[in-house]
Structure formats: C-alpha cells, structure tokens
Amino acid sequence: MSTSSDTVSSQGQSPPSVWAAIREALAGAHGRDFTEGPIGRSIFILAVPMVLEMVMESIFAVVDVFVVAHLGSDAVATVGLTESFMTLIYALAMGVSIGAGAMISRRIGEKDADGAAHTAAQVLLFGFCMAVALGAIGAVFAPQLLSVMGASAGVLRNTLFTRIMLGCCASVVMLFLVNAVFRSAGDAAIAMRVLWLANAINIVLAPTLVFGWGPFPRMGIVGAALATTIGRSSGALFAMSRLFTGNSRIRIRREHFALDPALIARVLRLSSAATFQVFIGMASWIGLVRILAGFGSDALAGYTIGMRIVIFALLPSYGLANAAATMVGQALGARKPARAEAAVWTAGKYSAVFLGLVGLAFVIYARQVVSLFTPDAAVAAYGTATLRTVACGFMFYAYGMVLTQSFNGAGDTRTPTLINLGVFWAFEIPLAWLLAHVFGLGPQGVFYAATAAFSSLAVVSAVLFRRGGWKEKTV
C-alpha cells in the first residue's frame, strides 16, 4: 500500500521550488527513489528529461523533412515511403524496448541492480544481431519495397536514400534499446543527453551534406540519410559508453553478456505482444500511406509534412507516458499498486493540458506552420488539412499515450495489443478507405479516420485501465 508520503510533502516542510526540481531532473536524480515521495514531483523529475529527449527525437524528423522539402515533392514522398518501412524497424525496437523496460524497472523497484544490468546486456546483444540481419535485407531489396508501395518514377530515382536508411537501421535499434534501459532505471537525464548529441550532429550535417556547404559536395537527399545515420550512430555509441563506464543506476560488466537463452526467451515472450502492438500501429501508417499514394505525390508529401509536425507535438507527451510507465514498473516492483495507478492519472492530466494547448494552436495556425516547410501551394494545402484535422483530437491522444505505456510498464502488453488491433486494423484502415473512396472525401477522409482512431483508442484504454487487471502481472 502507498503511504501518505507518496502523495504529499512532509508536514512542516515547504514544497521544493519548480526550478529546483528542474535542476535535479536535468542533472540526473541519481539518489532519488521513485517508489517513495510525492508522486507529482517524481513524475516531473522523470518527465522533464524524457520530454526533452522526445523533443530531440521529434526535431530529428522535422529537420530532415524541412531540409528535404527544398528538393521537391518527389524527395519528400521518398522520405514518407521510406519512413513507412522504417516504422517496421521502429516497431521491433520499441517492442523489445517495452518488454525490456518492464523487466528492468521491476528489478529496480525490487532493488536488484545486478538483475537489471544482466537483463539490459542480454537485450542489447539480441537487438544488435536482429538489426544487422534486418538491415542487410532492407538494403538489398529497397527498390522492390518502394515499387510495392506504389512509388513514382521520381521516387524510384532516390533509391539510395532508402538503402542507406534501411541498411543502417542498427543505429536506430541500439539507440532505442539503450535509452529504454536508462529510462526504465530512472536515468532519464542520460537518455536525454544521448539524443541531444545525436540531434546536434544531425542538425549540422543534414543541410551541409544535402546542399553541399563548405568543402562538402552537394549530395541531395542521400546527404539527409547519411546525416541521420551518423547522428544516431554517434548517440548510440555514447550511450553504450555510459552503461560501461558512466555514473548510472545500471552498470554493465563483461560477464553480463554471457549468453542467457532463458532470459532472452522471457524478454521475447513479453516483447512479442509489445512488438505486435507497435507493429499494428505502425502498419496502419503504411496502410494510410498506401491509400494516399493513389492521390499523387502532392497529397502524400502534404500528409508527410503534416504528420511530421504532429509527431513533433506528440513526442513530448510520449515522454510523459514513458515517465508514467517507469513509475508503474518500479511501484509494482515495490508492491505499491495504488501509487502506480495515481501516477498514471497524474501524468495523463499533465499531458492533456499540454497537448490541448498545442492542439488549439495548430487548429488556428495550421496554414502558417505548414508553410514553413514547403513553398508548394498544393502540398501545403494537404499538409494544412492533415495538421488541423489531427490536432482536433490531441487531448484524447494525451490520455491514450499515457494509458497504453502504463499497461506496458506493468508488463501487461497483451491488453494494448488487442486495443491497437481493434482500433487501427479493424476500424481505422477500413474507415479511411471508405471515407476516401466510397464517400468521395479523398485525402481528407484519411485524415478524419486517423483522428477518429486515436480518439477511440484513448476511450477504450481508459475503460480497461480502470478494471485494474494490469496490477496482477508478473515479469
């Protein structure tokens, strides 16, 4: 059971200032036990670096599309189609991260640091091998994959971009996994710094290589792929060094990498549902892109720009969701389910306030925001429609993200998987096709379907979360 210290400050003591909490969050709360103390402050200290980490991740996406947008709609469409394949890589990395995070946070809550380190090492070993195999397949079959997605002749001329992005996916996978290790252990500040480094490199290299600034040759869209890969690889290497030599809650030693098939099997059993869960959501993106591809490169490019802006807004709230998941895992490890539940609703409230304000701004200023990314009037019109329509559901998305991640943090990966299956595959994709083709709404029908699906996910998740079955999961 949670104690009064979980929800209120000690009697007679004034609450610490917000600036003090921010300083602690950015410095890294190494001495803080997140299973004790005021819930709001714990979430805040976890969430600040996680939100900033997600801002850095979203800037990755925005910088790339901002730079590539100056190369024309075919280049933007290439990024959009390639991203649809990268989402499958993201799904695998995120799925394994979810399973590993649930186990690591539970071990931390149980005060078993060595068990957490061993789990982290096994996950990183498995993830790297998986990524190398997938990268080889993606690099070889990139042209065929683009053709299957209905790529135009202009897009097919940019195949090298897709080869690089898919072939070097190990940088993405390792970055996902190692940062999940830090977050689940409560070292969110380290994960934040990793993304700062990776993003800074990408921001400098992307325009430099794309446009050929200084001594560098003009590489066009290929330069964007190289900049992203170099940035992410640098971040992943820095993060790995902190696990071995840095001041973190988890310290990996060589013996932790001794192959442990039983542990890997446990992680995979937990991660399989999580991977399928993420894959469902990512595959729905591919389905929507495939429907939009039939309306031409302008519609696809506009949707790509609009959704990149949406991602920029949503990822900070995903940081809050990750904070809630860490709190849930550690609280359950410490046998405090009431604290875990209170943390979820508190994080959801914070997220809803933030996204509600951002959504209102996007509804009002969608055209001005999109115009920053493209001078093409036709592309901008589709991008504006995407952004304005999707932003209408932002407050629903806020709770949906927090609730879904909280199920995962508890080790209940099955429930959100079933929710995603029903909402995205049984509802969103058929609805998008019907609205676009049968009801004649065209691309706007796809935008309506996306908003309806994410809003429905939040409502269904809230109903199931209140039933409390997630509190009984063991990992």
Protein backbone atom coordinates (compact mmCIF):
# COMPACT_ATOMS: atom_id res chain seq x y z
CA MET A 1 0.00 0.00 0.00
CA SER A 2 1.18 3.54 -0.64
CA THR A 3 1.83 5.83 2.28
CA SER A 4 0.95 9.45 2.76
CA SER A 5 4.49 10.34 1.75
CA ASP A 6 3.63 9.12 -1.73
CA THR A 7 1.23 11.95 -2.31
CA VAL A 8 2.15 14.89 -0.12
CA SER A 9 5.26 16.62 1.10
CA SER A 10 6.40 16.01 4.64
CA GLN A 11 4.46 18.06 7.17
CA GLY A 12 6.11 21.28 8.13
CA GLN A 13 8.30 21.47 5.04
CA SER A 14 7.60 23.84 2.18
CA PRO A 15 7.47 22.15 -1.22
CA PRO A 16 10.67 22.42 -3.25
CA SER A 17 10.63 25.03 -6.00
CA VAL A 18 9.93 24.13 -9.58
CA TRP A 19 13.39 25.35 -10.57
CA ALA A 20 14.98 23.07 -8.00
CA ALA A 21 13.05 20.13 -9.47
CA ILE A 22 14.13 21.08 -12.99
CA ARG A 23 17.77 21.29 -11.90
CA GLU A 24 17.51 17.87 -10.28
CA ALA A 25 15.85 16.41 -13.37
CA LEU A 26 18.46 17.76 -15.78
CA ALA A 27 21.39 16.85 -13.55
CA GLY A 28 20.11 13.30 -13.12
CA ALA A 29 18.29 12.23 -9.96
CA HIS A 30 20.79 9.50 -9.09
CA GLY A 31 19.96 9.42 -5.38
CA ARG A 32 16.17 9.56 -5.72
CA ASP A 33 13.97 6.54 -5.05
CA PHE A 34 10.96 6.86 -7.34
CA THR A 35 8.97 4.36 -5.28
CA GLU A 36 8.83 6.90 -2.43
CA GLY A 37 7.89 10.56 -2.02
CA PRO A 38 5.37 12.87 -3.71
CA ILE A 39 4.02 11.39 -6.94
CA GLY A 40 3.73 14.67 -8.81
CA ARG A 41 7.35 15.59 -8.11
CA SER A 42 8.60 12.13 -9.08
CA ILE A 43 6.75 12.27 -12.39
CA PHE A 44 8.02 15.78 -13.02
CA ILE A 45 11.65 14.83 -12.38
CA LEU A 46 11.35 11.78 -14.63
CA ALA A 47 9.32 13.55 -17.28
CA VAL A 48 11.45 16.68 -17.81
CA PRO A 49 14.42 14.84 -19.38
CA MET A 50 12.10 12.35 -21.09
CA VAL A 51 10.12 15.19 -22.67
CA LEU A 52 13.32 16.91 -23.77
CA GLU A 53 14.57 13.59 -25.13
CA MET A 54 11.39 13.21 -27.18
CA VAL A 55 11.69 16.81 -28.38
CA MET A 56 15.15 15.93 -29.66
CA GLU A 57 13.76 12.83 -31.39
CA SER A 58 10.99 14.86 -33.00
CA ILE A 59 13.49 17.51 -34.13
CA PHE A 60 15.27 14.69 -35.96
CA ALA A 61 12.14 14.17 -38.03
CA VAL A 62 11.37 17.85 -38.51
CA VAL A 63 14.93 18.80 -39.55
CA ASP A 64 15.03 16.05 -42.15
CA VAL A 65 11.72 16.92 -43.73
CA PHE A 66 12.47 20.69 -43.55
CA VAL A 67 15.73 20.23 -45.45
CA VAL A 68 14.42 17.65 -47.91
CA ALA A 69 11.30 19.72 -48.65
CA HIS A 70 13.57 22.14 -50.56
CA LEU A 71 14.36 19.33 -53.02
CA GLY A 72 10.77 18.94 -54.25
CA SER A 73 7.72 16.74 -53.68
CA ASP A 74 9.39 13.57 -55.02
CA ALA A 75 12.10 13.88 -52.38
CA VAL A 76 9.54 14.39 -49.60
CA ALA A 77 7.49 11.48 -50.91
CA THR A 78 10.66 9.34 -50.82
CA VAL A 79 11.12 10.22 -47.17
CA GLY A 80 7.48 9.38 -46.48
CA LEU A 81 7.61 5.98 -48.20
CA THR A 82 10.96 5.10 -46.64
CA GLU A 83 9.64 6.12 -43.24
CA SER A 84 6.76 3.71 -43.72
CA PHE A 85 9.33 0.89 -43.85
CA MET A 86 11.40 2.34 -41.05
CA THR A 87 8.29 2.21 -38.90
CA LEU A 88 8.57 -1.58 -39.01
CA ILE A 89 12.10 -1.30 -37.64
CA TYR A 90 10.82 1.12 -35.02
CA ALA A 91 8.09 -1.37 -34.13
CA LEU A 92 10.61 -4.13 -33.44
CA ALA A 93 12.92 -1.83 -31.49
CA MET A 94 10.08 -0.33 -29.49
CA GLY A 95 8.53 -3.73 -28.82
CA VAL A 96 11.74 -5.15 -27.41
CA SER A 97 12.27 -1.88 -25.50
CA ILE A 98 8.85 -2.21 -23.90
CA GLY A 99 9.48 -5.77 -22.73
CA ALA A 100 12.97 -4.96 -21.50
CA GLY A 101 11.81 -1.76 -19.82
CA ALA A 102 9.07 -3.55 -17.89
CA MET A 103 11.56 -6.12 -16.59
CA ILE A 104 14.32 -3.61 -15.79
CA SER A 105 12.02 -1.17 -13.96
CA ARG A 106 10.58 -4.07 -11.96
CA ARG A 107 14.09 -5.21 -10.96
CA ILE A 108 14.99 -1.65 -9.95
CA GLY A 109 11.84 -1.44 -7.83
CA GLU A 110 12.90 -4.71 -6.19
CA LYS A 111 16.39 -3.20 -5.56
CA ASP A 112 18.02 -5.86 -7.78
CA ALA A 113 20.54 -3.73 -9.72
CA ASP A 114 22.60 -6.73 -10.90
CA GLY A 115 19.49 -8.42 -12.33
CA ALA A 116 18.61 -5.19 -14.15
CA ALA A 117 22.12 -4.96 -15.65
CA HIS A 118 22.06 -8.58 -16.80
CA THR A 119 18.68 -8.05 -18.48
CA ALA A 120 19.95 -4.91 -20.21
CA ALA A 121 23.05 -6.66 -21.58
CA GLN A 122 21.06 -9.57 -22.99
CA VAL A 123 18.58 -7.22 -24.66
CA LEU A 124 21.35 -5.16 -26.29
CA LEU A 125 23.08 -8.30 -27.56
CA PHE A 126 19.89 -9.66 -29.11
CA GLY A 127 18.87 -6.27 -30.54
CA PHE A 128 22.15 -5.72 -32.33
CA CYS A 129 22.09 -9.13 -34.02
CA MET A 130 18.48 -8.62 -35.09
CA ALA A 131 19.19 -5.16 -36.52
CA VAL A 132 22.18 -6.28 -38.59
CA ALA A 133 20.11 -9.04 -40.22
CA LEU A 134 17.18 -6.73 -40.98
CA GLY A 135 19.47 -4.02 -42.32
CA ALA A 136 21.04 -6.38 -44.84
CA ILE A 137 17.62 -7.43 -46.14
CA GLY A 138 16.35 -3.85 -46.38
CA ALA A 139 19.40 -2.59 -48.25
CA VAL A 140 19.23 -5.37 -50.85
CA PHE A 141 15.50 -5.14 -51.56
CA ALA A 142 14.96 -1.36 -51.25
CA PRO A 143 13.88 -0.82 -54.91
CA GLN A 144 11.34 -3.64 -54.76
CA LEU A 145 9.93 -2.37 -51.48
CA LEU A 146 9.41 1.12 -52.93
CA SER A 147 7.72 -0.32 -56.01
CA VAL A 148 5.30 -2.34 -53.87
CA MET A 149 4.28 0.89 -52.15
CA GLY A 150 3.37 2.49 -55.48
CA ALA A 151 6.39 4.80 -55.74
CA SER A 152 6.50 7.11 -58.74
CA ALA A 153 9.41 7.18 -61.19
CA GLY A 154 10.77 10.26 -59.42
CA VAL A 155 10.76 8.48 -56.08
CA LEU A 156 12.47 5.40 -57.53
CA ARG A 157 15.39 7.60 -58.61
CA ASN A 158 16.04 8.18 -54.90
CA THR A 159 16.50 4.51 -54.02
CA LEU A 160 19.94 5.09 -52.46
CA PHE A 161 18.29 7.11 -49.68
CA THR A 162 16.13 4.12 -48.81
CA ARG A 163 19.09 1.71 -49.00
CA ILE A 164 21.08 3.77 -46.50
CA MET A 165 18.21 4.27 -44.07
CA LEU A 166 17.22 0.60 -44.04
CA GLY A 167 20.74 -0.80 -44.26
CA CYS A 168 21.97 1.22 -41.27
CA CYS A 169 18.96 0.56 -39.06
CA ALA A 170 21.21 -0.87 -36.32
CA SER A 171 21.85 2.73 -35.24
CA VAL A 172 18.11 3.23 -34.71
CA VAL A 173 17.60 -0.06 -32.88
CA MET A 174 20.53 0.39 -30.50
CA LEU A 175 19.53 3.98 -29.76
CA PHE A 176 16.00 2.84 -28.88
CA LEU A 177 17.18 -0.02 -26.69
CA VAL A 178 19.94 1.68 -24.74
CA ASN A 179 17.78 4.72 -23.99
CA ALA A 180 14.96 2.42 -22.85
CA VAL A 181 17.43 0.89 -20.39
CA PHE A 182 18.27 4.30 -18.95
CA ARG A 183 14.63 5.45 -18.77
CA SER A 184 13.32 2.32 -17.07
CA ALA A 185 16.11 2.52 -14.48
CA GLY A 186 15.24 6.17 -13.73
CA ASP A 187 18.27 7.66 -15.51
CA ALA A 188 16.20 9.71 -17.92
CA ALA A 189 18.73 12.56 -17.95
CA ILE A 190 21.34 10.33 -19.59
CA ALA A 191 18.90 9.30 -22.33
CA MET A 192 18.16 12.97 -22.89
CA ARG A 193 21.84 13.83 -23.35
CA VAL A 194 22.23 10.97 -25.82
CA LEU A 195 19.52 12.47 -28.04
CA TRP A 196 21.00 15.94 -27.66
CA LEU A 197 24.28 14.69 -29.06
CA ALA A 198 22.68 12.71 -31.89
CA ASN A 199 20.41 15.58 -32.85
CA ALA A 200 23.12 18.22 -32.77
CA ILE A 201 25.18 16.19 -35.21
CA ASN A 202 22.17 15.70 -37.49
CA ILE A 203 21.23 19.40 -37.45
CA VAL A 204 24.74 20.37 -38.57
CA LEU A 205 25.26 17.59 -41.10
CA ALA A 206 21.82 17.48 -42.77
CA PRO A 207 21.91 20.83 -44.60
CA THR A 208 25.68 20.60 -45.00
CA LEU A 209 25.55 17.31 -46.89
CA VAL A 210 22.24 17.91 -48.70
CA PHE A 211 23.20 21.33 -50.11
CA GLY A 212 26.99 20.91 -50.22
CA TRP A 213 28.01 23.67 -47.86
CA GLY A 214 31.71 24.42 -47.39
CA PRO A 215 34.08 21.70 -48.60
CA PHE A 216 31.34 19.06 -48.83
CA PRO A 217 29.81 18.01 -52.15
CA ARG A 218 26.10 18.51 -52.79
CA MET A 219 24.61 15.08 -52.10
CA GLY A 220 20.90 15.87 -52.24
CA ILE A 221 18.54 13.51 -50.45
CA VAL A 222 21.34 10.98 -49.89
CA GLY A 223 23.03 13.54 -47.65
CA ALA A 224 19.98 13.56 -45.37
CA ALA A 225 20.22 9.79 -44.95
CA LEU A 226 23.93 9.96 -44.12
CA ALA A 227 23.44 12.81 -41.63
CA THR A 228 20.69 10.96 -39.78
CA THR A 229 22.68 7.72 -39.66
CA ILE A 230 25.87 9.40 -38.44
CA GLY A 231 23.98 11.32 -35.77
CA ARG A 232 22.13 8.28 -34.44
CA SER A 233 25.22 6.08 -34.52
CA SER A 234 27.20 8.65 -32.53
CA GLY A 235 24.42 8.87 -29.95
CA ALA A 236 24.20 5.08 -29.59
CA LEU A 237 27.97 4.74 -29.07
CA PHE A 238 27.98 7.48 -26.45
CA ALA A 239 25.07 5.81 -24.62
CA MET A 240 26.80 2.43 -24.62
CA SER A 241 29.91 4.01 -23.11
CA ARG A 242 27.82 5.37 -20.22
CA LEU A 243 26.48 1.89 -19.45
CA PHE A 244 30.02 0.58 -19.09
CA THR A 245 31.88 3.50 -17.54
CA GLY A 246 29.37 6.20 -16.59
CA ASN A 247 27.64 7.11 -13.37
CA SER A 248 24.29 5.41 -13.96
CA ARG A 249 21.94 3.22 -11.94
CA ILE A 250 22.80 0.32 -14.23
CA ARG A 251 26.44 -0.64 -14.70
CA ILE A 252 27.03 -3.42 -17.22
CA ARG A 253 30.05 -5.69 -16.83
CA ARG A 254 31.51 -8.14 -19.32
CA GLU A 255 30.02 -11.17 -17.56
CA HIS A 256 26.51 -9.78 -18.06
CA PHE A 257 26.88 -10.51 -21.79
CA ALA A 258 27.34 -14.26 -21.22
CA LEU A 259 24.54 -15.68 -23.35
CA ASP A 260 21.43 -16.40 -21.27
CA PRO A 261 18.87 -18.04 -23.58
CA ALA A 262 16.31 -18.41 -20.80
CA LEU A 263 16.36 -14.69 -20.01
CA ILE A 264 16.25 -13.71 -23.68
CA ALA A 265 13.26 -16.04 -24.10
CA ARG A 266 11.49 -14.31 -21.19
CA VAL A 267 12.16 -10.90 -22.69
CA LEU A 268 10.95 -12.08 -26.10
CA ARG A 269 7.77 -13.56 -24.66
CA LEU A 270 6.99 -10.24 -23.05
CA SER A 271 8.18 -8.26 -26.06
CA SER A 272 6.39 -10.33 -28.72
CA ALA A 273 3.00 -8.91 -27.82
CA ALA A 274 4.52 -5.45 -27.42
CA THR A 275 6.21 -5.71 -30.82
CA PHE A 276 2.97 -6.79 -32.45
CA GLN A 277 1.24 -3.98 -30.58
CA VAL A 278 3.59 -1.35 -32.01
CA PHE A 279 3.60 -3.07 -35.41
CA ILE A 280 -0.18 -2.77 -35.58
CA GLY A 281 0.03 0.97 -35.11
CA MET A 282 2.97 1.34 -37.48
CA ALA A 283 1.40 -0.89 -40.13
CA SER A 284 -1.72 1.25 -40.02
CA TRP A 285 0.56 4.15 -41.02
CA ILE A 286 1.68 2.11 -44.03
CA GLY A 287 -1.95 1.39 -44.88
CA LEU A 288 -2.85 5.07 -44.77
CA VAL A 289 0.21 5.99 -46.85
CA ARG A 290 -0.78 3.37 -49.43
CA ILE A 291 -4.28 4.84 -49.70
CA LEU A 292 -2.87 8.36 -50.03
CA ALA A 293 -0.30 7.30 -52.65
CA GLY A 294 -3.20 6.81 -55.04
CA PHE A 295 -3.94 10.53 -54.88
CA GLY A 296 -0.47 11.61 -56.09
CA SER A 297 2.81 12.90 -54.69
CA ASP A 298 1.30 16.23 -53.55
CA ALA A 299 -1.17 14.53 -51.22
CA LEU A 300 1.46 12.14 -49.91
CA ALA A 301 4.02 14.91 -49.40
CA GLY A 302 1.47 17.11 -47.63
CA TYR A 303 0.46 14.27 -45.34
CA THR A 304 4.12 13.50 -44.60
CA ILE A 305 4.81 17.12 -43.62
CA GLY A 306 1.63 17.39 -41.57
CA MET A 307 2.30 14.18 -39.65
CA ARG A 308 5.94 15.12 -39.01
CA ILE A 309 4.64 18.28 -37.33
CA VAL A 310 2.11 16.20 -35.38
CA ILE A 311 4.91 13.89 -34.24
CA PHE A 312 6.87 16.92 -33.10
CA ALA A 313 3.96 17.82 -30.82
CA LEU A 314 3.12 14.31 -29.65
CA LEU A 315 6.59 13.09 -28.72
CA PRO A 316 6.92 15.33 -25.64
CA SER A 317 3.69 13.77 -24.37
CA TYR A 318 5.16 10.39 -25.19
CA GLY A 319 7.93 11.42 -22.79
CA LEU A 320 5.30 11.88 -20.08
CA ALA A 321 3.91 8.47 -20.99
CA ASN A 322 7.36 6.93 -20.56
CA ALA A 323 7.66 8.59 -17.16
CA ALA A 324 4.35 7.03 -16.14
CA ALA A 325 5.49 3.61 -17.37
CA THR A 326 8.69 3.83 -15.32
CA MET A 327 6.70 4.85 -12.25
CA VAL A 328 4.28 1.95 -12.75
CA GLY A 329 7.02 -0.67 -13.16
CA GLN A 330 9.04 0.50 -10.18
CA ALA A 331 5.97 0.96 -7.95
CA LEU A 332 4.71 -2.54 -8.73
CA GLY A 333 8.21 -3.89 -8.03
CA ALA A 334 7.99 -2.17 -4.64
CA ARG A 335 4.46 -3.63 -4.17
CA LYS A 336 2.69 -0.26 -4.28
CA PRO A 337 -0.09 -0.64 -6.89
CA ALA A 338 -2.06 2.36 -5.58
CA ARG A 339 0.97 4.58 -6.21
CA ALA A 340 1.27 3.15 -9.71
CA GLU A 341 -2.35 3.99 -10.57
CA ALA A 342 -2.17 7.50 -9.11
CA ALA A 343 0.96 8.17 -11.15
CA VAL A 344 -0.82 7.26 -14.39
CA TRP A 345 -3.74 9.63 -13.91
CA THR A 346 -1.42 12.44 -12.80
CA ALA A 347 0.76 12.03 -15.89
CA GLY A 348 -2.35 11.87 -18.10
CA LYS A 349 -3.61 15.16 -16.69
CA TYR A 350 -0.28 16.90 -17.31
CA SER A 351 -0.20 15.53 -20.85
CA ALA A 352 -3.78 16.59 -21.63
CA VAL A 353 -3.15 20.17 -20.56
CA PHE A 354 -0.03 20.40 -22.72
CA LEU A 355 -1.47 18.78 -25.84
CA GLY A 356 -4.77 20.62 -25.50
CA LEU A 357 -2.98 23.96 -25.78
CA VAL A 358 -0.77 22.76 -28.65
CA GLY A 359 -3.78 21.34 -30.49
CA LEU A 360 -5.65 24.63 -30.23
CA ALA A 361 -2.66 26.49 -31.64
CA PHE A 362 -2.41 24.05 -34.55
CA VAL A 363 -6.10 24.36 -35.40
CA ILE A 364 -5.78 28.14 -35.55
CA TYR A 365 -2.36 28.44 -37.18
CA ALA A 366 -2.08 25.23 -39.24
CA ARG A 367 -1.55 27.02 -42.55
CA GLN A 368 1.21 29.24 -41.18
CA VAL A 369 3.02 26.33 -39.56
CA VAL A 370 2.91 24.13 -42.67
CA SER A 371 4.06 27.00 -44.89
CA LEU A 372 7.37 26.97 -43.00
CA PHE A 373 8.12 23.55 -44.50
CA THR A 374 7.08 23.90 -48.13
CA PRO A 375 6.60 26.72 -50.66
CA ASP A 376 4.42 24.44 -52.83
CA ALA A 377 0.80 25.60 -52.51
CA ALA A 378 -0.71 22.21 -53.40
CA VAL A 379 1.47 20.33 -50.90
CA ALA A 380 0.81 22.99 -48.25
CA ALA A 381 -2.95 22.63 -48.67
CA TYR A 382 -2.83 18.91 -47.92
CA GLY A 383 -0.41 19.46 -45.05
CA THR A 384 -2.68 22.09 -43.51
CA ALA A 385 -5.70 19.81 -43.73
CA THR A 386 -3.74 16.98 -42.10
CA LEU A 387 -2.46 19.10 -39.23
CA ARG A 388 -5.75 20.84 -38.49
CA THR A 389 -7.81 17.64 -38.57
CA VAL A 390 -5.49 15.52 -36.45
CA ALA A 391 -4.93 18.31 -33.90
CA CYS A 392 -8.63 18.27 -33.04
CA GLY A 393 -8.10 15.03 -31.13
CA PHE A 394 -4.94 15.98 -29.23
CA MET A 395 -6.47 15.86 -25.74
CA PHE A 396 -7.68 12.31 -26.38
CA TYR A 397 -4.25 11.32 -27.66
CA ALA A 398 -2.68 12.66 -24.46
CA TYR A 399 -4.50 10.17 -22.24
CA GLY A 400 -4.26 7.38 -24.81
CA MET A 401 -0.46 7.51 -24.93
CA VAL A 402 -0.08 7.56 -21.14
CA LEU A 403 -2.54 4.71 -20.59
CA THR A 404 -1.02 2.49 -23.29
CA GLN A 405 2.51 2.94 -21.98
CA SER A 406 1.32 2.32 -18.43
CA PHE A 407 -0.11 -1.07 -19.39
CA ASN A 408 3.28 -1.85 -20.93
CA GLY A 409 5.18 -0.60 -17.90
CA ALA A 410 3.21 -3.06 -15.79
CA GLY A 411 4.14 -5.91 -18.12
CA ASP A 412 0.59 -6.19 -19.49
CA THR A 413 1.49 -5.96 -23.17
CA ARG A 414 -1.48 -8.08 -24.29
CA THR A 415 -4.22 -5.54 -23.45
CA PRO A 416 -2.87 -2.61 -25.50
CA THR A 417 -2.06 -5.05 -28.33
CA LEU A 418 -5.71 -6.10 -28.56
CA ILE A 419 -6.81 -2.47 -28.34
CA ASN A 420 -4.47 -1.48 -31.19
CA LEU A 421 -5.65 -4.41 -33.29
CA GLY A 422 -9.27 -3.39 -32.99
CA VAL A 423 -8.79 0.36 -33.31
CA PHE A 424 -6.22 0.52 -36.12
CA TRP A 425 -6.77 -2.52 -38.29
CA ALA A 426 -10.46 -3.26 -37.78
CA PHE A 427 -11.53 0.39 -37.59
CA GLU A 428 -9.05 2.98 -38.90
CA ILE A 429 -7.90 1.49 -42.23
CA PRO A 430 -11.38 0.37 -43.42
CA LEU A 431 -12.80 3.73 -42.35
CA ALA A 432 -10.06 5.61 -44.22
CA TRP A 433 -10.73 3.66 -47.42
CA LEU A 434 -14.49 4.13 -47.14
CA LEU A 435 -14.28 7.86 -46.48
CA ALA A 436 -11.67 8.44 -49.18
CA HIS A 437 -13.19 6.34 -51.96
CA VAL A 438 -16.79 5.36 -51.22
CA PHE A 439 -17.84 8.68 -49.70
CA GLY A 440 -15.63 10.68 -52.05
CA LEU A 441 -13.75 12.66 -49.41
CA GLY A 442 -10.35 11.84 -50.90
CA PRO A 443 -7.30 12.51 -48.70
CA GLN A 444 -9.45 14.38 -46.18
CA GLY A 445 -11.23 11.11 -45.42
CA VAL A 446 -7.91 9.58 -44.44
CA PHE A 447 -7.24 12.49 -42.07
CA TYR A 448 -10.67 12.05 -40.45
CA ALA A 449 -10.06 8.33 -39.98
CA ALA A 450 -6.73 8.93 -38.21
CA THR A 451 -8.33 11.37 -35.77
CA ALA A 452 -11.25 9.05 -35.04
CA ALA A 453 -8.96 6.06 -34.43
CA PHE A 454 -6.63 7.75 -31.94
CA SER A 455 -9.56 9.25 -30.05
CA SER A 456 -11.26 5.84 -29.82
CA LEU A 457 -8.04 4.27 -28.55
CA ALA A 458 -7.97 6.68 -25.59
CA VAL A 459 -11.55 5.92 -24.56
CA VAL A 460 -11.19 2.15 -24.77
CA SER A 461 -7.85 2.23 -22.91
CA ALA A 462 -9.34 4.28 -20.06
CA VAL A 463 -12.20 1.82 -19.58
CA LEU A 464 -9.90 -1.20 -19.46
CA PHE A 465 -7.30 0.50 -17.27
CA ARG A 466 -9.88 1.20 -14.58
CA ARG A 467 -10.61 -2.53 -14.30
CA GLY A 468 -7.14 -2.96 -12.79
CA GLY A 469 -6.08 -6.31 -14.21
CA TRP A 470 -2.65 -4.87 -15.06
CA LYS A 471 -1.82 -4.72 -11.34
CA GLU A 472 -1.57 -8.53 -11.16
CA LYS A 473 1.03 -9.01 -13.90
CA THR A 474 4.41 -10.52 -13.04
CA VAL A 475 7.57 -10.10 -15.13
